[in-house]
Amino acid sequence: MRDTTAEAQADARRKYAYCEIERWARELIPGSIRSGVEISVQEIQCGDPNCSPIDTALSILFPSGGSGMLGLPMEAHEVTRQILNESFPYEDILHRWANGEDAEWPPLEDDLANQLPELRFNLGAKVECRIGPDEITGWAKGTVIQLWYREEAWAEGSFAPYKILLDDGREIFAPGDVEMVIRAQR
């Protein structure tokens, strides 16, 4: 016999997460183009063994007929405001969508994308990062929340391969995509 209570609770948790993500996304759209925007959130099962089993997809439809999409490699209840903020399209991309123009997201341009090496971990990957000097105990668990992270003060063209949200709430970046700095959770 199926546990309908557990299914109902999971469904309620998913619907609540959808509403929160919609609200957060609406707040991230500039006020000048927010009016009349429709946002749809849904979970999509991915059949590719190299990706997250469940992705959360956001569709943004502007009154002009322009639209765009954003995918997060995690279930809706795992999406936080911070993850959405860091993954959300930049303002210029949103304006292009609002004007009915095509604009790719994520923003890596073809030339830049061809120059950057392929990374070992995807957005949402569960990892361990070296945070201390001890090679046995100096690791902390976390989740990759951004690929090709950079700070404004860094020299142009400088990137860290990953930004990570540690399980204790701290945010760090991995300066290199090497096993001695970042590895899959054990």
Protein backbone atom coordinates (compact mmCIF):
# COMPACT_ATOMS: atom_id res chain seq x y z
CA MET A 1 0.00 0.00 0.00
CA ARG A 2 1.29 3.46 -0.95
CA ASP A 3 2.04 6.03 1.71
CA THR A 4 -0.24 8.80 0.50
CA THR A 5 0.63 10.99 3.50
CA ALA A 6 4.31 11.08 2.50
CA GLU A 7 3.36 11.78 -1.13
CA ALA A 8 1.02 14.58 -0.06
CA GLN A 9 3.73 16.12 2.13
CA ALA A 10 6.28 15.94 -0.70
CA ASP A 11 3.76 17.51 -3.09
CA ALA A 12 3.00 20.32 -0.62
CA ARG A 13 6.74 20.94 -0.09
CA ARG A 14 7.28 21.10 -3.87
CA LYS A 15 4.35 23.51 -4.42
CA TYR A 16 5.57 25.76 -1.60
CA ALA A 17 9.08 25.78 -3.14
CA TYR A 18 7.61 26.66 -6.56
CA CYS A 19 5.79 29.66 -5.04
CA GLU A 20 8.91 30.85 -3.22
CA ILE A 21 11.09 30.53 -6.34
CA GLU A 22 8.50 32.41 -8.42
CA ARG A 23 8.38 35.20 -5.83
CA TRP A 24 12.18 35.46 -5.63
CA ALA A 25 12.51 35.43 -9.42
CA ARG A 26 9.89 38.18 -9.80
CA GLU A 27 11.83 40.31 -7.31
CA LEU A 28 15.02 39.84 -9.36
CA ILE A 29 13.44 41.14 -12.57
CA PRO A 30 14.01 44.90 -12.92
CA GLY A 31 10.88 46.91 -12.10
CA SER A 32 10.88 48.56 -15.53
CA ILE A 33 10.17 45.20 -17.24
CA ARG A 34 8.46 43.27 -14.41
CA SER A 35 4.84 44.20 -15.17
CA GLY A 36 2.91 41.38 -16.80
CA VAL A 37 5.77 38.88 -16.57
CA GLU A 38 4.72 35.26 -16.17
CA ILE A 39 7.05 32.90 -14.34
CA SER A 40 6.60 29.16 -14.36
CA VAL A 41 8.57 26.81 -12.13
CA GLN A 42 8.64 23.05 -12.49
CA GLU A 43 10.83 20.08 -11.76
CA ILE A 44 12.07 18.11 -14.73
CA GLN A 45 13.48 14.61 -14.58
CA CYS A 46 16.78 14.35 -16.42
CA GLY A 47 17.55 11.09 -18.20
CA ASP A 48 21.23 11.94 -18.73
CA PRO A 49 23.38 10.00 -16.21
CA ASN A 50 25.88 12.90 -16.16
CA CYS A 51 23.39 15.42 -14.83
CA SER A 52 21.28 15.91 -11.73
CA PRO A 53 18.36 13.43 -11.63
CA ILE A 54 15.90 16.29 -11.03
CA ASP A 55 16.34 19.84 -12.36
CA THR A 56 14.26 22.86 -11.42
CA ALA A 57 13.37 24.86 -14.53
CA LEU A 58 12.14 28.46 -14.56
CA SER A 59 10.44 29.85 -17.65
CA ILE A 60 10.12 33.63 -17.88
CA LEU A 61 7.59 34.96 -20.37
CA PHE A 62 7.36 38.68 -21.06
CA PRO A 63 4.23 40.44 -22.39
CA SER A 64 6.15 41.18 -25.62
CA GLY A 65 6.26 37.44 -26.31
CA GLY A 66 9.95 37.30 -25.50
CA SER A 67 11.05 34.59 -23.13
CA GLY A 68 13.95 32.86 -21.49
CA MET A 69 14.70 29.89 -19.36
CA LEU A 70 16.91 29.06 -16.41
CA GLY A 71 17.73 25.58 -15.11
CA LEU A 72 19.06 24.64 -11.70
CA PRO A 73 20.43 21.11 -11.15
CA MET A 74 18.50 20.40 -7.96
CA GLU A 75 15.02 19.77 -6.65
CA ALA A 76 12.88 22.85 -6.04
CA HIS A 77 12.98 22.51 -2.24
CA GLU A 78 16.81 22.68 -2.40
CA VAL A 79 16.80 26.04 -4.22
CA THR A 80 17.61 28.93 -1.91
CA ARG A 81 17.22 32.62 -2.59
CA GLN A 82 21.01 32.87 -2.70
CA ILE A 83 21.39 30.10 -5.29
CA LEU A 84 18.71 31.73 -7.44
CA ASN A 85 20.34 35.17 -7.07
CA GLU A 86 23.70 33.82 -8.20
CA SER A 87 22.26 31.81 -11.09
CA PHE A 88 19.72 34.35 -12.34
CA PRO A 89 20.22 36.03 -15.73
CA TYR A 90 21.94 39.39 -15.72
CA GLU A 91 19.84 42.51 -16.23
CA ASP A 92 20.96 43.01 -19.84
CA ILE A 93 19.88 39.44 -20.70
CA LEU A 94 16.47 40.04 -19.08
CA HIS A 95 16.04 43.27 -21.07
CA ARG A 96 16.88 41.46 -24.29
CA TRP A 97 14.32 38.75 -23.50
CA ALA A 98 11.76 41.45 -22.64
CA ASN A 99 12.39 43.01 -26.07
CA GLY A 100 11.80 39.66 -27.76
CA GLU A 101 15.48 39.18 -28.62
CA ASP A 102 17.39 35.93 -28.36
CA ALA A 103 20.01 35.89 -25.64
CA GLU A 104 21.82 32.85 -24.33
CA TRP A 105 21.95 32.04 -20.67
CA PRO A 106 24.32 31.27 -18.96
CA PRO A 107 26.31 34.22 -20.24
CA LEU A 108 29.56 32.62 -21.36
CA GLU A 109 30.18 33.89 -24.85
CA ASP A 110 31.28 31.31 -27.40
CA ASP A 111 34.83 32.68 -27.55
CA LEU A 112 35.20 32.75 -23.77
CA ALA A 113 33.54 29.34 -23.40
CA ASN A 114 36.05 27.87 -25.85
CA GLN A 115 38.95 29.32 -23.86
CA LEU A 116 37.84 27.97 -20.47
CA PRO A 117 38.68 24.36 -19.63
CA GLU A 118 35.94 21.86 -18.85
CA LEU A 119 35.26 21.58 -15.12
CA ARG A 120 34.99 18.34 -13.12
CA PHE A 121 31.88 19.38 -11.14
CA ASN A 122 28.53 20.82 -12.20
CA LEU A 123 26.37 23.39 -10.46
CA GLY A 124 24.75 21.71 -7.44
CA ALA A 125 27.48 19.09 -7.05
CA LYS A 126 28.17 17.93 -3.49
CA VAL A 127 31.87 18.48 -2.82
CA GLU A 128 34.49 18.72 -0.11
CA CYS A 129 36.85 21.70 -0.05
CA ARG A 130 40.23 22.02 1.57
CA ILE A 131 39.91 24.72 4.22
CA GLY A 132 42.66 23.78 6.65
CA PRO A 133 46.27 22.66 6.68
CA ASP A 134 45.63 19.07 7.80
CA GLU A 135 45.25 16.82 4.77
CA ILE A 136 42.91 14.48 6.65
CA THR A 137 40.72 16.80 8.78
CA GLY A 138 41.10 20.06 6.84
CA TRP A 139 38.08 19.47 4.58
CA ALA A 140 34.55 20.90 4.69
CA LYS A 141 31.47 19.65 2.85
CA GLY A 142 29.44 21.92 0.62
CA THR A 143 27.60 22.48 -2.66
CA VAL A 144 28.85 24.13 -5.84
CA ILE A 145 26.66 27.25 -6.30
CA GLN A 146 28.49 29.00 -9.14
CA LEU A 147 30.82 28.05 -11.96
CA TRP A 148 33.58 30.38 -13.12
CA TYR A 149 33.27 32.74 -10.14
CA ARG A 150 35.01 36.07 -10.20
CA GLU A 151 35.19 39.19 -8.08
CA GLU A 152 35.25 42.73 -9.44
CA ALA A 153 38.61 43.49 -7.85
CA TRP A 154 40.29 40.61 -9.69
CA ALA A 155 42.27 41.23 -12.85
CA GLU A 156 40.25 40.98 -16.06
CA GLY A 157 40.01 37.39 -17.23
CA SER A 158 40.69 35.98 -13.75
CA PHE A 159 38.24 33.35 -12.54
CA ALA A 160 37.95 30.75 -9.80
CA PRO A 161 36.44 27.56 -11.17
CA TYR A 162 33.87 27.22 -8.36
CA LYS A 163 32.03 29.13 -5.69
CA ILE A 164 30.88 26.80 -2.90
CA LEU A 165 28.27 27.13 -0.17
CA LEU A 166 29.65 25.13 2.73
CA ASP A 167 27.23 23.12 4.87
CA ASP A 168 28.00 25.46 7.80
CA GLY A 169 26.72 28.46 5.77
CA ARG A 170 30.05 30.00 4.76
CA GLU A 171 30.80 30.78 1.12
CA ILE A 172 34.21 30.15 -0.35
CA PHE A 173 35.72 29.72 -3.77
CA ALA A 174 38.03 27.01 -5.02
CA PRO A 175 41.07 28.65 -6.63
CA GLY A 176 41.79 25.59 -8.76
CA ASP A 177 39.97 22.56 -10.13
CA VAL A 178 42.38 20.07 -8.60
CA GLU A 179 41.83 17.15 -6.19
CA MET A 180 44.00 18.72 -3.47
CA VAL A 181 41.60 21.75 -3.36
CA ILE A 182 38.16 20.34 -4.20
CA ARG A 183 36.92 16.77 -4.44
CA ALA A 184 33.64 14.82 -4.62
CA GLN A 185 32.02 14.27 -1.22
CA ARG A 186 33.06 11.03 0.44
